[in-house]
Protein backbone atom coordinates (compact mmCIF):
# COMPACT_ATOMS: atom_id res chain seq x y z
CA UNK A 1 -0.20 -0.13 0.01
CA UNK A 2 1.37 3.44 -0.88
CA UNK A 3 1.93 6.00 1.69
CA UNK A 4 -1.22 8.34 0.28
CA UNK A 5 -3.28 5.32 0.49
CA UNK A 6 -2.16 5.02 3.99
CA UNK A 7 -2.91 8.69 4.26
CA UNK A 8 -6.83 8.01 2.99
CA UNK A 9 -7.12 5.45 4.92
CA UNK A 10 -6.39 6.68 8.47
CA UNK A 11 -8.26 9.92 7.49
CA UNK A 12 -11.05 8.25 6.76
CA UNK A 13 -10.35 6.08 9.98
CA UNK A 14 -10.53 9.34 12.11
CA UNK A 15 -13.28 11.22 10.25
CA UNK A 16 -15.78 8.31 10.93
CA UNK A 17 -14.32 8.34 14.70
CA UNK A 18 -14.89 12.13 15.00
CA UNK A 19 -18.53 11.44 14.06
CA UNK A 20 -19.00 8.80 16.84
CA UNK A 21 -17.96 11.21 19.65
CA UNK A 22 -19.69 14.04 17.96
CA UNK A 23 -22.99 11.78 18.61
CA UNK A 24 -22.47 11.06 22.56
CA UNK A 25 -24.43 12.86 25.26
CA UNK A 26 -22.25 15.31 27.46
CA UNK A 27 -21.92 12.38 29.68
CA UNK A 28 -20.34 10.05 27.27
CA UNK A 29 -18.26 12.46 26.39
CA UNK A 30 -17.07 14.06 29.40
CA UNK A 31 -16.04 9.98 30.50
CA UNK A 32 -14.06 9.80 27.84
CA UNK A 33 -13.06 12.97 27.30
CA UNK A 34 -8.91 12.32 27.17
CA UNK A 35 -9.30 10.05 24.26
CA UNK A 36 -11.12 12.68 22.39
CA UNK A 37 -9.32 15.44 22.91
CA UNK A 38 -6.35 13.09 21.78
CA UNK A 39 -7.94 12.34 18.80
CA UNK A 40 -8.88 16.15 18.26
CA UNK A 41 -5.25 16.69 18.84
CA UNK A 42 -4.56 13.75 16.19
CA UNK A 43 -7.22 15.09 13.75
CA UNK A 44 -5.75 18.02 13.70
CA UNK A 45 -2.65 16.98 12.77
CA UNK A 46 -3.92 14.69 10.12
CA UNK A 47 -5.85 17.44 8.51
CA UNK A 48 -8.86 16.10 8.95
CA UNK A 49 -11.64 19.33 9.87
CA UNK A 50 -12.49 18.77 12.99
CA UNK A 51 -16.52 19.00 14.05
CA UNK A 52 -17.29 23.19 15.41
CA UNK A 53 -19.91 21.74 17.04
CA UNK A 54 -17.67 18.19 18.99
CA UNK A 55 -14.52 20.99 19.23
CA UNK A 56 -16.72 23.88 21.35
CA UNK A 57 -18.57 20.72 23.60
CA UNK A 58 -14.56 19.14 24.47
CA UNK A 59 -13.81 22.47 24.94
CA UNK A 60 -16.50 23.16 27.61
CA UNK A 61 -16.32 20.05 29.08
CA UNK A 62 -11.86 20.57 29.68
CA UNK A 63 -13.03 24.16 31.40
CA UNK A 64 -15.34 22.53 33.88
CA UNK A 65 -12.63 19.78 34.80
CA UNK A 66 -9.75 23.00 34.62
CA UNK A 67 -7.83 21.15 31.79
CA UNK A 68 -5.58 23.08 29.42
CA UNK A 69 -6.69 23.58 25.79
CA UNK A 70 -5.00 21.87 23.13
CA UNK A 71 -2.24 24.82 21.64
CA UNK A 72 -3.90 24.39 18.15
CA UNK A 73 -7.54 25.23 20.11
CA UNK A 74 -5.68 28.25 22.64
CA UNK A 75 -4.67 29.48 19.41
CA UNK A 76 -7.97 29.42 17.61
CA UNK A 77 -10.03 31.10 20.80
């Protein structure tokens, strides 16, 4: 498999993962917040668009826990 195909597959998998996270309730999202924050950062590094609603929900939940935001999130605010 070429590197381009592997990147496309990874990007598609990331898009699907973000859709699954976006479909979760805030309570479910809060339970896996560390994982979701990591995936958002990975998605941005891969150039996968992060749904704005999901990003804002994660930012709100991080603020509730007093967790620092990702560097990219801080720049966007």
